[in-house]
């Protein structure tokens, strides 16, 4: 598959060379037409759509339930990216298997922007799994997603300065919504006693949530789902849950629930009954047409699910 993808990129490059490079005139005319955007994750696609508004047509590569850590670009994906005006992705190695494709697109003078890599380094969390790297799941801290929104507006304005005011206006309106969302999350978590603020999930994606909102977070798998959990990991987590009497575990929409079910069985074997508190949206938003199809809706769903399960109280 990797060879096929790189071959597709090469063939697209040859086709462009044979026909003459048309990307520069097209880029110069962006102010007069809709900008063709390809985005990797559903979170990034949602963000670009909000900031770009009517000025952008966004194609998302990864739909609901898709794990970006394991995602491999298809030949169709490569063609879509090669035909785009600009590619937006999360960065910080979230889309690890697509790195070579992004590099190929940059060589073809297709603009690429990693929205999370503009965040100040002192705001980023380290990765225990990958020395020298950062945890890429920045969207779980609403304030950091605001920084990603700033980068998105800056990038669109650089491409299409004629409509920079539009992007700035959309950004300012969205930042108000993000501030309101951040306040909502902080209000909701106050319902959970500090001693009960422990979040157990399928993989270690919620570190930024824990850091921002005062939760101890433990994931069965590491920051990347490419790192599989073994029997020892299951038993270690089960021992912690049973000892601390954690009331609920959470599965994720983009990760198999088998690991968390194994932890639950191991906890039961230790004489303690723990509930599955619900499904959280981790590395992907919800299905189209649902409230969770947007970043704002997903964050609300997640915090309501967490608080409800840990306190046994619905919002």
C-alpha atoms as a PDB file:
ATOM      1  CA  UNK A   1       0.000   0.000   0.000  1.00  0.00           C
ATOM      2  CA  UNK A   2       2.822   2.412   0.874  1.00  0.00           C
ATOM      3  CA  UNK A   3       4.460   1.799  -2.519  1.00  0.00           C
ATOM      4  CA  UNK A   4       1.132   2.357  -4.275  1.00  0.00           C
ATOM      5  CA  UNK A   5       0.584   5.674  -2.505  1.00  0.00           C
ATOM      6  CA  UNK A   6       4.033   7.024  -3.297  1.00  0.00           C
ATOM      7  CA  UNK A   7       3.672   5.852  -6.891  1.00  0.00           C
ATOM      8  CA  UNK A   8       0.364   7.702  -7.130  1.00  0.00           C
ATOM      9  CA  UNK A   9       2.011  10.883  -5.873  1.00  0.00           C
ATOM     10  CA  UNK A  10       4.806  10.514  -8.411  1.00  0.00           C
ATOM     11  CA  UNK A  11       2.375   9.972 -11.275  1.00  0.00           C
ATOM     12  CA  UNK A  12       0.375  13.030 -10.247  1.00  0.00           C
ATOM     13  CA  UNK A  13       3.619  15.006 -10.154  1.00  0.00           C
ATOM     14  CA  UNK A  14       4.554  13.870 -13.659  1.00  0.00           C
ATOM     15  CA  UNK A  15       1.099  14.804 -14.932  1.00  0.00           C
ATOM     16  CA  UNK A  16       1.443  18.292 -13.491  1.00  0.00           C
ATOM     17  CA  UNK A  17       4.878  18.705 -15.049  1.00  0.00           C
ATOM     18  CA  UNK A  18       3.628  17.589 -18.455  1.00  0.00           C
ATOM     19  CA  UNK A  19       0.725  19.998 -18.451  1.00  0.00           C
ATOM     20  CA  UNK A  20       2.657  22.922 -17.004  1.00  0.00           C
ATOM     21  CA  UNK A  21       2.451  24.090 -13.394  1.00  0.00           C
ATOM     22  CA  UNK A  22      -0.978  25.645 -12.967  1.00  0.00           C
ATOM     23  CA  UNK A  23      -0.904  25.864  -9.175  1.00  0.00           C
ATOM     24  CA  UNK A  24       0.528  29.390  -8.987  1.00  0.00           C
ATOM     25  CA  UNK A  25      -2.097  31.096 -11.171  1.00  0.00           C
ATOM     26  CA  UNK A  26      -4.816  29.221  -9.304  1.00  0.00           C
ATOM     27  CA  UNK A  27      -3.425  30.284  -5.941  1.00  0.00           C
ATOM     28  CA  UNK A  28      -3.301  33.873  -7.110  1.00  0.00           C
ATOM     29  CA  UNK A  29      -6.977  33.736  -8.027  1.00  0.00           C
ATOM     30  CA  UNK A  30      -8.194  32.253  -4.753  1.00  0.00           C
ATOM     31  CA  UNK A  31      -9.900  35.498  -3.780  1.00  0.00           C
ATOM     32  CA  UNK A  32     -12.307  35.068  -6.697  1.00  0.00           C
ATOM     33  CA  UNK A  33     -13.433  31.503  -6.005  1.00  0.00           C
ATOM     34  CA  UNK A  34     -14.101  29.006  -3.230  1.00  0.00           C
ATOM     35  CA  UNK A  35     -10.942  27.550  -1.707  1.00  0.00           C
ATOM     36  CA  UNK A  36     -10.656  23.770  -2.064  1.00  0.00           C
ATOM     37  CA  UNK A  37      -9.494  22.419   1.326  1.00  0.00           C
ATOM     38  CA  UNK A  38      -8.607  18.877   2.315  1.00  0.00           C
ATOM     39  CA  UNK A  39      -8.464  18.211   6.064  1.00  0.00           C
ATOM     40  CA  UNK A  40      -7.333  15.042   7.779  1.00  0.00           C
ATOM     41  CA  UNK A  41      -9.282  14.537  11.019  1.00  0.00           C
ATOM     42  CA  UNK A  42     -12.899  15.461  11.605  1.00  0.00           C
ATOM     43  CA  UNK A  43     -11.832  17.951  14.293  1.00  0.00           C
ATOM     44  CA  UNK A  44      -9.599  19.803  11.855  1.00  0.00           C
ATOM     45  CA  UNK A  45     -12.235  19.680   9.107  1.00  0.00           C
ATOM     46  CA  UNK A  46     -14.793  21.187  11.489  1.00  0.00           C
ATOM     47  CA  UNK A  47     -12.379  23.927  12.550  1.00  0.00           C
ATOM     48  CA  UNK A  48     -11.492  24.954   8.990  1.00  0.00           C
ATOM     49  CA  UNK A  49     -15.164  24.969   8.041  1.00  0.00           C
ATOM     50  CA  UNK A  50     -16.018  27.287  10.936  1.00  0.00           C
ATOM     51  CA  UNK A  51     -13.191  29.737  10.276  1.00  0.00           C
ATOM     52  CA  UNK A  52     -13.426  29.581   6.497  1.00  0.00           C
ATOM     53  CA  UNK A  53     -17.209  29.758   6.306  1.00  0.00           C
ATOM     54  CA  UNK A  54     -18.568  30.196   2.790  1.00  0.00           C
ATOM     55  CA  UNK A  55     -15.076  30.845   1.471  1.00  0.00           C
ATOM     56  CA  UNK A  56     -14.031  27.180   1.773  1.00  0.00           C
ATOM     57  CA  UNK A  57     -15.187  23.788   0.550  1.00  0.00           C
ATOM     58  CA  UNK A  58     -13.767  21.252   2.988  1.00  0.00           C
ATOM     59  CA  UNK A  59     -13.207  17.576   2.242  1.00  0.00           C
ATOM     60  CA  UNK A  60     -12.431  15.528   5.340  1.00  0.00           C
ATOM     61  CA  UNK A  61     -10.428  12.341   4.911  1.00  0.00           C
ATOM     62  CA  UNK A  62     -11.218  10.664   8.247  1.00  0.00           C
ATOM     63  CA  UNK A  63     -14.852  10.209   9.159  1.00  0.00           C
ATOM     64  CA  UNK A  64     -16.588   9.228  12.433  1.00  0.00           C
ATOM     65  CA  UNK A  65     -14.924   6.387  14.317  1.00  0.00           C
ATOM     66  CA  UNK A  66     -11.680   6.589  12.319  1.00  0.00           C
ATOM     67  CA  UNK A  67      -8.426   6.294  14.253  1.00  0.00           C
ATOM     68  CA  UNK A  68      -5.886   8.812  12.862  1.00  0.00           C
ATOM     69  CA  UNK A  69      -2.967   7.012  14.513  1.00  0.00           C
ATOM     70  CA  UNK A  70      -3.511   3.987  12.272  1.00  0.00           C
ATOM     71  CA  UNK A  71      -4.974   5.676   9.202  1.00  0.00           C
ATOM     72  CA  UNK A  72      -3.318   4.980   5.858  1.00  0.00           C
ATOM     73  CA  UNK A  73      -4.042   7.285   2.930  1.00  0.00           C
ATOM     74  CA  UNK A  74      -5.692   5.603  -0.049  1.00  0.00           C
ATOM     75  CA  UNK A  75      -4.854   6.437  -3.633  1.00  0.00           C
ATOM     76  CA  UNK A  76      -8.114   8.388  -3.722  1.00  0.00           C
ATOM     77  CA  UNK A  77      -6.972  10.409  -0.712  1.00  0.00           C
ATOM     78  CA  UNK A  78      -3.705  11.212  -2.484  1.00  0.00           C
ATOM     79  CA  UNK A  79      -5.617  12.390  -5.551  1.00  0.00           C
ATOM     80  CA  UNK A  80      -7.866  14.593  -3.401  1.00  0.00           C
ATOM     81  CA  UNK A  81      -4.864  16.149  -1.662  1.00  0.00           C
ATOM     82  CA  UNK A  82      -3.051  16.660  -4.968  1.00  0.00           C
ATOM     83  CA  UNK A  83      -6.074  18.535  -6.303  1.00  0.00           C
ATOM     84  CA  UNK A  84      -6.491  20.736  -3.232  1.00  0.00           C
ATOM     85  CA  UNK A  85      -5.535  24.373  -2.821  1.00  0.00           C
ATOM     86  CA  UNK A  86      -4.465  23.697   0.745  1.00  0.00           C
ATOM     87  CA  UNK A  87      -4.216  20.801   3.197  1.00  0.00           C
ATOM     88  CA  UNK A  88      -4.886  21.234   6.912  1.00  0.00           C
ATOM     89  CA  UNK A  89      -3.857  18.577   9.418  1.00  0.00           C
ATOM     90  CA  UNK A  90      -3.354  18.306  13.167  1.00  0.00           C
ATOM     91  CA  UNK A  91       0.366  17.580  13.266  1.00  0.00           C
ATOM     92  CA  UNK A  92       2.484  16.613  16.286  1.00  0.00           C
ATOM     93  CA  UNK A  93       2.650  13.146  14.696  1.00  0.00           C
ATOM     94  CA  UNK A  94      -1.067  12.433  15.143  1.00  0.00           C
ATOM     95  CA  UNK A  95      -1.327  11.380  11.489  1.00  0.00           C
ATOM     96  CA  UNK A  96       1.978   9.505  11.682  1.00  0.00           C
ATOM     97  CA  UNK A  97       1.437   7.203   8.713  1.00  0.00           C
ATOM     98  CA  UNK A  98       0.679  10.149   6.399  1.00  0.00           C
ATOM     99  CA  UNK A  99       3.888  12.112   7.002  1.00  0.00           C
ATOM    100  CA  UNK A 100       5.514  11.060   3.740  1.00  0.00           C
ATOM    101  CA  UNK A 101       2.427  12.043   1.749  1.00  0.00           C
ATOM    102  CA  UNK A 102       2.432  15.535   3.307  1.00  0.00           C
ATOM    103  CA  UNK A 103       6.081  15.904   2.381  1.00  0.00           C
ATOM    104  CA  UNK A 104       5.308  14.919  -1.202  1.00  0.00           C
ATOM    105  CA  UNK A 105       2.505  17.473  -1.373  1.00  0.00           C
ATOM    106  CA  UNK A 106       4.814  20.207  -0.092  1.00  0.00           C
ATOM    107  CA  UNK A 107       7.268  19.373  -2.853  1.00  0.00           C
ATOM    108  CA  UNK A 108       4.436  19.924  -5.342  1.00  0.00           C
ATOM    109  CA  UNK A 109       3.935  23.428  -3.866  1.00  0.00           C
ATOM    110  CA  UNK A 110       0.604  22.507  -2.297  1.00  0.00           C
ATOM    111  CA  UNK A 111       0.190  24.502   0.896  1.00  0.00           C
ATOM    112  CA  UNK A 112       0.022  22.410   4.074  1.00  0.00           C
ATOM    113  CA  UNK A 113      -0.698  23.675   7.588  1.00  0.00           C
ATOM    114  CA  UNK A 114      -0.455  21.749  10.866  1.00  0.00           C
ATOM    115  CA  UNK A 115      -2.841  23.597  13.172  1.00  0.00           C
ATOM    116  CA  UNK A 116      -1.486  22.143  16.438  1.00  0.00           C
ATOM    117  CA  UNK A 117       2.164  22.831  15.721  1.00  0.00           C
ATOM    118  CA  UNK A 118       1.657  26.578  16.131  1.00  0.00           C
ATOM    119  CA  UNK A 119       0.800  26.112  19.819  1.00  0.00           C
ATOM    120  CA  UNK A 120       3.486  27.383  22.168  1.00  0.00           C
ATOM    121  CA  UNK A 121       5.732  24.527  23.255  1.00  0.00           C
ATOM    122  CA  UNK A 122       5.318  25.324  26.942  1.00  0.00           C
ATOM    123  CA  UNK A 123       1.579  24.678  26.513  1.00  0.00           C
ATOM    124  CA  UNK A 124       2.161  21.180  25.124  1.00  0.00           C
ATOM    125  CA  UNK A 125       2.376  17.953  27.112  1.00  0.00           C
ATOM    126  CA  UNK A 126       5.214  15.509  26.638  1.00  0.00           C
ATOM    127  CA  UNK A 127       4.744  11.979  25.380  1.00  0.00           C
ATOM    128  CA  UNK A 128       5.909   9.137  27.603  1.00  0.00           C
ATOM    129  CA  UNK A 129       5.861   6.809  24.606  1.00  0.00           C
ATOM    130  CA  UNK A 130       7.915   8.920  22.219  1.00  0.00           C
ATOM    131  CA  UNK A 131      10.927  10.744  23.645  1.00  0.00           C
ATOM    132  CA  UNK A 132      11.212  14.294  22.360  1.00  0.00           C
ATOM    133  CA  UNK A 133       7.655  14.321  21.005  1.00  0.00           C
ATOM    134  CA  UNK A 134       4.480  15.942  22.303  1.00  0.00           C
ATOM    135  CA  UNK A 135       1.027  14.594  22.985  1.00  0.00           C
ATOM    136  CA  UNK A 136      -0.967  15.565  19.851  1.00  0.00           C
ATOM    137  CA  UNK A 137      -4.462  15.474  21.442  1.00  0.00           C
ATOM    138  CA  UNK A 138      -4.551  19.225  22.055  1.00  0.00           C
ATOM    139  CA  UNK A 139      -8.272  19.648  21.295  1.00  0.00           C
ATOM    140  CA  UNK A 140      -9.224  18.215  24.688  1.00  0.00           C
ATOM    141  CA  UNK A 141      -8.135  21.523  26.244  1.00  0.00           C
ATOM    142  CA  UNK A 142     -10.620  24.009  24.809  1.00  0.00           C
ATOM    143  CA  UNK A 143      -8.252  26.950  25.267  1.00  0.00           C
ATOM    144  CA  UNK A 144      -5.589  25.205  23.171  1.00  0.00           C
ATOM    145  CA  UNK A 145      -8.100  24.565  20.415  1.00  0.00           C
ATOM    146  CA  UNK A 146      -8.550  28.318  20.406  1.00  0.00           C
ATOM    147  CA  UNK A 147      -4.849  28.610  19.565  1.00  0.00           C
ATOM    148  CA  UNK A 148      -5.385  26.165  16.699  1.00  0.00           C
ATOM    149  CA  UNK A 149      -8.264  28.369  15.530  1.00  0.00           C
ATOM    150  CA  UNK A 150      -5.912  31.363  15.466  1.00  0.00           C
ATOM    151  CA  UNK A 151      -3.477  29.411  13.272  1.00  0.00           C
ATOM    152  CA  UNK A 152      -6.282  28.393  10.918  1.00  0.00           C
ATOM    153  CA  UNK A 153      -7.399  31.998  10.473  1.00  0.00           C
ATOM    154  CA  UNK A 154      -3.806  33.121   9.952  1.00  0.00           C
ATOM    155  CA  UNK A 155      -3.218  30.431   7.320  1.00  0.00           C
ATOM    156  CA  UNK A 156      -6.396  31.222   5.384  1.00  0.00           C
ATOM    157  CA  UNK A 157      -5.647  34.938   5.522  1.00  0.00           C
ATOM    158  CA  UNK A 158      -2.150  34.317   4.147  1.00  0.00           C
ATOM    159  CA  UNK A 159      -3.623  32.386   1.219  1.00  0.00           C
ATOM    160  CA  UNK A 160      -6.499  34.762   0.595  1.00  0.00           C
ATOM    161  CA  UNK A 161      -5.647  38.184   2.003  1.00  0.00           C
ATOM    162  CA  UNK A 162      -8.574  39.787   0.165  1.00  0.00           C
ATOM    163  CA  UNK A 163     -10.948  38.071   2.601  1.00  0.00           C
ATOM    164  CA  UNK A 164      -8.771  38.280   5.709  1.00  0.00           C
ATOM    165  CA  UNK A 165     -11.447  40.321   7.483  1.00  0.00           C
ATOM    166  CA  UNK A 166     -13.930  37.492   6.948  1.00  0.00           C
ATOM    167  CA  UNK A 167     -11.601  34.964   8.567  1.00  0.00           C
ATOM    168  CA  UNK A 168     -10.848  37.317  11.452  1.00  0.00           C
ATOM    169  CA  UNK A 169     -14.552  37.931  12.041  1.00  0.00           C
ATOM    170  CA  UNK A 170     -15.308  34.204  11.997  1.00  0.00           C
ATOM    171  CA  UNK A 171     -12.398  33.583  14.365  1.00  0.00           C
ATOM    172  CA  UNK A 172     -13.556  36.196  16.858  1.00  0.00           C
ATOM    173  CA  UNK A 173     -17.080  34.765  16.888  1.00  0.00           C
ATOM    174  CA  UNK A 174     -15.772  31.227  17.363  1.00  0.00           C
ATOM    175  CA  UNK A 175     -13.468  32.260  20.193  1.00  0.00           C
ATOM    176  CA  UNK A 176     -16.521  33.578  22.056  1.00  0.00           C
ATOM    177  CA  UNK A 177     -18.133  30.143  21.633  1.00  0.00           C
ATOM    178  CA  UNK A 178     -14.967  28.427  22.800  1.00  0.00           C
ATOM    179  CA  UNK A 179     -14.775  30.634  25.889  1.00  0.00           C
ATOM    180  CA  UNK A 180     -18.372  29.719  26.682  1.00  0.00           C
ATOM    181  CA  UNK A 181     -17.606  26.029  26.154  1.00  0.00           C
ATOM    182  CA  UNK A 182     -14.558  26.187  28.406  1.00  0.00           C
ATOM    183  CA  UNK A 183     -16.669  27.785  31.134  1.00  0.00           C
ATOM    184  CA  UNK A 184     -19.305  25.067  30.672  1.00  0.00           C
ATOM    185  CA  UNK A 185     -16.727  22.301  31.104  1.00  0.00           C
ATOM    186  CA  UNK A 186     -15.302  23.921  34.238  1.00  0.00           C
ATOM    187  CA  UNK A 187     -18.793  24.319  35.703  1.00  0.00           C
ATOM    188  CA  UNK A 188     -19.758  20.709  34.972  1.00  0.00           C
ATOM    189  CA  UNK A 189     -16.654  19.144  36.485  1.00  0.00           C
ATOM    190  CA  UNK A 190     -17.295  20.961  39.758  1.00  0.00           C
ATOM    191  CA  UNK A 191     -20.053  18.393  40.307  1.00  0.00           C
ATOM    192  CA  UNK A 192     -17.411  15.669  40.656  1.00  0.00           C
ATOM    193  CA  UNK A 193     -15.687  15.570  44.061  1.00  0.00           C
ATOM    194  CA  UNK A 194     -11.942  16.034  43.649  1.00  0.00           C
ATOM    195  CA  UNK A 195     -11.211  12.551  44.984  1.00  0.00           C
ATOM    196  CA  UNK A 196     -13.389  11.057  42.219  1.00  0.00           C
ATOM    197  CA  UNK A 197     -11.829  12.970  39.344  1.00  0.00           C
ATOM    198  CA  UNK A 198     -10.167   9.961  37.755  1.00  0.00           C
ATOM    199  CA  UNK A 199     -10.737   9.254  34.087  1.00  0.00           C
ATOM    200  CA  UNK A 200      -9.996   5.753  32.715  1.00  0.00           C
ATOM    201  CA  UNK A 201     -10.192   5.446  28.925  1.00  0.00           C
ATOM    202  CA  UNK A 202      -9.225   3.155  26.066  1.00  0.00           C
ATOM    203  CA  UNK A 203      -6.056   5.050  25.213  1.00  0.00           C
ATOM    204  CA  UNK A 204      -4.116   7.924  26.696  1.00  0.00           C
ATOM    205  CA  UNK A 205      -5.805  10.684  24.685  1.00  0.00           C
ATOM    206  CA  UNK A 206      -7.264  12.811  27.474  1.00  0.00           C
ATOM    207  CA  UNK A 207      -4.088  14.174  29.044  1.00  0.00           C
ATOM    208  CA  UNK A 208      -4.880  17.747  28.043  1.00  0.00           C
ATOM    209  CA  UNK A 209      -8.388  17.383  29.454  1.00  0.00           C
ATOM    210  CA  UNK A 210      -6.950  16.173  32.743  1.00  0.00           C
ATOM    211  CA  UNK A 211      -4.344  18.935  32.889  1.00  0.00           C
ATOM    212  CA  UNK A 212      -6.836  21.692  32.089  1.00  0.00           C
ATOM    213  CA  UNK A 213      -9.752  20.525  34.217  1.00  0.00           C
ATOM    214  CA  UNK A 214      -8.167  18.735  37.163  1.00  0.00           C
ATOM    215  CA  UNK A 215      -8.517  15.017  36.397  1.00  0.00           C
ATOM    216  CA  UNK A 216      -6.089  12.172  36.857  1.00  0.00           C
ATOM    217  CA  UNK A 217      -6.146  10.368  33.525  1.00  0.00           C
ATOM    218  CA  UNK A 218      -5.137   6.804  32.749  1.00  0.00           C
ATOM    219  CA  UNK A 219      -5.414   5.102  29.385  1.00  0.00           C
ATOM    220  CA  UNK A 220      -5.116   1.393  28.739  1.00  0.00           C
ATOM    221  CA  UNK A 221      -3.121   1.998  25.575  1.00  0.00           C
ATOM    222  CA  UNK A 222      -0.532   4.710  25.131  1.00  0.00           C
ATOM    223  CA  UNK A 223      -0.884   8.088  23.429  1.00  0.00           C
ATOM    224  CA  UNK A 224      -0.806   6.305  20.072  1.00  0.00           C
ATOM    225  CA  UNK A 225      -3.137   3.356  19.538  1.00  0.00           C
ATOM    226  CA  UNK A 226      -0.350   1.800  17.474  1.00  0.00           C
ATOM    227  CA  UNK A 227       1.039   0.753  20.878  1.00  0.00           C
ATOM    228  CA  UNK A 228      -1.029  -2.258  21.895  1.00  0.00           C
ATOM    229  CA  UNK A 229      -1.895  -3.068  25.478  1.00  0.00           C
ATOM    230  CA  UNK A 230      -0.762  -6.407  26.869  1.00  0.00           C
ATOM    231  CA  UNK A 231      -2.004  -8.610  29.673  1.00  0.00           C
ATOM    232  CA  UNK A 232       0.261  -6.863  32.164  1.00  0.00           C
ATOM    233  CA  UNK A 233      -1.235  -3.482  31.192  1.00  0.00           C
ATOM    234  CA  UNK A 234      -4.760  -4.818  31.721  1.00  0.00           C
ATOM    235  CA  UNK A 235      -3.904  -6.285  35.127  1.00  0.00           C
ATOM    236  CA  UNK A 236      -2.064  -3.165  36.286  1.00  0.00           C
ATOM    237  CA  UNK A 237      -4.970  -0.904  35.376  1.00  0.00           C
ATOM    238  CA  UNK A 238      -7.487  -3.323  36.893  1.00  0.00           C
ATOM    239  CA  UNK A 239      -5.567  -3.348  40.171  1.00  0.00           C
ATOM    240  CA  UNK A 240      -5.656   0.458  40.276  1.00  0.00           C
ATOM    241  CA  UNK A 241      -9.398   0.602  39.537  1.00  0.00           C
ATOM    242  CA  UNK A 242     -10.247  -2.011  42.160  1.00  0.00           C
ATOM    243  CA  UNK A 243      -8.020  -0.460  44.817  1.00  0.00           C
ATOM    244  CA  UNK A 244      -9.277   3.082  44.228  1.00  0.00           C
ATOM    245  CA  UNK A 245     -12.860   1.911  43.613  1.00  0.00           C
ATOM    246  CA  UNK A 246     -13.218   3.937  40.434  1.00  0.00           C
ATOM    247  CA  UNK A 247     -16.935   3.881  39.561  1.00  0.00           C
ATOM    248  CA  UNK A 248     -16.697   3.925  35.773  1.00  0.00           C
ATOM    249  CA  UNK A 249     -14.504   3.182  32.769  1.00  0.00           C
ATOM    250  CA  UNK A 250     -14.999   4.761  29.345  1.00  0.00           C
ATOM    251  CA  UNK A 251     -14.727   3.382  25.835  1.00  0.00           C
ATOM    252  CA  UNK A 252     -13.876   5.540  22.823  1.00  0.00           C
ATOM    253  CA  UNK A 253     -15.655   5.810  19.503  1.00  0.00           C
ATOM    254  CA  UNK A 254     -12.467   5.295  17.462  1.00  0.00           C
ATOM    255  CA  UNK A 255     -10.907   2.493  19.544  1.00  0.00           C
ATOM    256  CA  UNK A 256     -12.085  -1.100  20.008  1.00  0.00           C
ATOM    257  CA  UNK A 257     -13.889  -1.566  23.311  1.00  0.00           C
ATOM    258  CA  UNK A 258     -12.366  -5.008  23.853  1.00  0.00           C
ATOM    259  CA  UNK A 259      -9.490  -3.642  25.928  1.00  0.00           C
ATOM    260  CA  UNK A 260     -11.719  -1.784  28.363  1.00  0.00           C
ATOM    261  CA  UNK A 261     -14.030  -4.808  28.608  1.00  0.00           C
ATOM    262  CA  UNK A 262     -10.977  -6.904  29.527  1.00  0.00           C
ATOM    263  CA  UNK A 263     -10.108  -4.417  32.266  1.00  0.00           C
ATOM    264  CA  UNK A 264     -13.669  -4.572  33.556  1.00  0.00           C
ATOM    265  CA  UNK A 265     -13.525  -8.377  33.749  1.00  0.00           C
ATOM    266  CA  UNK A 266     -10.175  -8.225  35.532  1.00  0.00           C
ATOM    267  CA  UNK A 267     -11.609  -5.737  38.038  1.00  0.00           C
ATOM    268  CA  UNK A 268     -14.589  -8.025  38.614  1.00  0.00           C
ATOM    269  CA  UNK A 269     -12.221 -10.899  39.286  1.00  0.00           C
ATOM    270  CA  UNK A 270     -10.748  -8.760  42.067  1.00  0.00           C
ATOM    271  CA  UNK A 271     -14.158  -8.458  43.724  1.00  0.00           C
ATOM    272  CA  UNK A 272     -15.142  -4.997  42.573  1.00  0.00           C
ATOM    273  CA  UNK A 273     -17.827  -4.120  40.042  1.00  0.00           C
ATOM    274  CA  UNK A 274     -17.038  -1.192  37.757  1.00  0.00           C
ATOM    275  CA  UNK A 275     -19.432   0.204  35.150  1.00  0.00           C
ATOM    276  CA  UNK A 276     -18.843   1.169  31.553  1.00  0.00           C
ATOM    277  CA  UNK A 277     -19.684   4.852  31.874  1.00  0.00           C
ATOM    278  CA  UNK A 278     -20.351   5.472  28.181  1.00  0.00           C
ATOM    279  CA  UNK A 279     -18.626   6.228  24.916  1.00  0.00           C
ATOM    280  CA  UNK A 280     -16.360   9.232  24.572  1.00  0.00           C
ATOM    281  CA  UNK A 281     -15.368  10.819  21.285  1.00  0.00           C
ATOM    282  CA  UNK A 282     -11.602  10.655  21.341  1.00  0.00           C
ATOM    283  CA  UNK A 283      -9.809  10.962  18.008  1.00  0.00           C
ATOM    284  CA  UNK A 284     -12.901  11.633  15.878  1.00  0.00           C
ATOM    285  CA  UNK A 285     -16.140  13.600  16.079  1.00  0.00           C
ATOM    286  CA  UNK A 286     -19.596  12.034  15.912  1.00  0.00           C
ATOM    287  CA  UNK A 287     -21.742  11.110  12.925  1.00  0.00           C
ATOM    288  CA  UNK A 288     -23.124  13.795  10.590  1.00  0.00           C
ATOM    289  CA  UNK A 289     -26.485  15.154  11.688  1.00  0.00           C
ATOM    290  CA  UNK A 290     -25.821  14.587  15.403  1.00  0.00           C
ATOM    291  CA  UNK A 291     -24.810  17.243  17.955  1.00  0.00           C
ATOM    292  CA  UNK A 292     -21.486  15.434  18.309  1.00  0.00           C
ATOM    293  CA  UNK A 293     -20.654  16.066  14.634  1.00  0.00           C
ATOM    294  CA  UNK A 294     -19.148  19.402  15.706  1.00  0.00           C
ATOM    295  CA  UNK A 295     -16.255  20.067  18.047  1.00  0.00           C
ATOM    296  CA  UNK A 296     -18.519  22.077  20.359  1.00  0.00           C
ATOM    297  CA  UNK A 297     -21.050  19.242  20.537  1.00  0.00           C
ATOM    298  CA  UNK A 298     -18.398  16.583  21.046  1.00  0.00           C
ATOM    299  CA  UNK A 299     -16.808  18.379  24.007  1.00  0.00           C
ATOM    300  CA  UNK A 300     -20.194  18.882  25.635  1.00  0.00           C
ATOM    301  CA  UNK A 301     -21.066  15.218  25.114  1.00  0.00           C
ATOM    302  CA  UNK A 302     -17.764  14.074  26.568  1.00  0.00           C
ATOM    303  CA  UNK A 303     -17.896  16.174  29.716  1.00  0.00           C
ATOM    304  CA  UNK A 304     -21.569  15.371  30.325  1.00  0.00           C
ATOM    305  CA  UNK A 305     -20.848  11.646  29.911  1.00  0.00           C
ATOM    306  CA  UNK A 306     -17.837  11.773  32.229  1.00  0.00           C
ATOM    307  CA  UNK A 307     -19.564  13.780  34.941  1.00  0.00           C
ATOM    308  CA  UNK A 308     -22.767  11.755  34.703  1.00  0.00           C
ATOM    309  CA  UNK A 309     -20.982   8.413  35.083  1.00  0.00           C
ATOM    310  CA  UNK A 310     -18.704   9.518  37.909  1.00  0.00           C
ATOM    311  CA  UNK A 311     -21.545  11.061  39.908  1.00  0.00           C
ATOM    312  CA  UNK A 312     -24.456   8.946  38.621  1.00  0.00           C
ATOM    313  CA  UNK A 313     -26.273  12.185  37.793  1.00  0.00           C
ATOM    314  CA  UNK A 314     -27.473  13.211  34.317  1.00  0.00           C
ATOM    315  CA  UNK A 315     -27.093  16.874  33.207  1.00  0.00           C
END
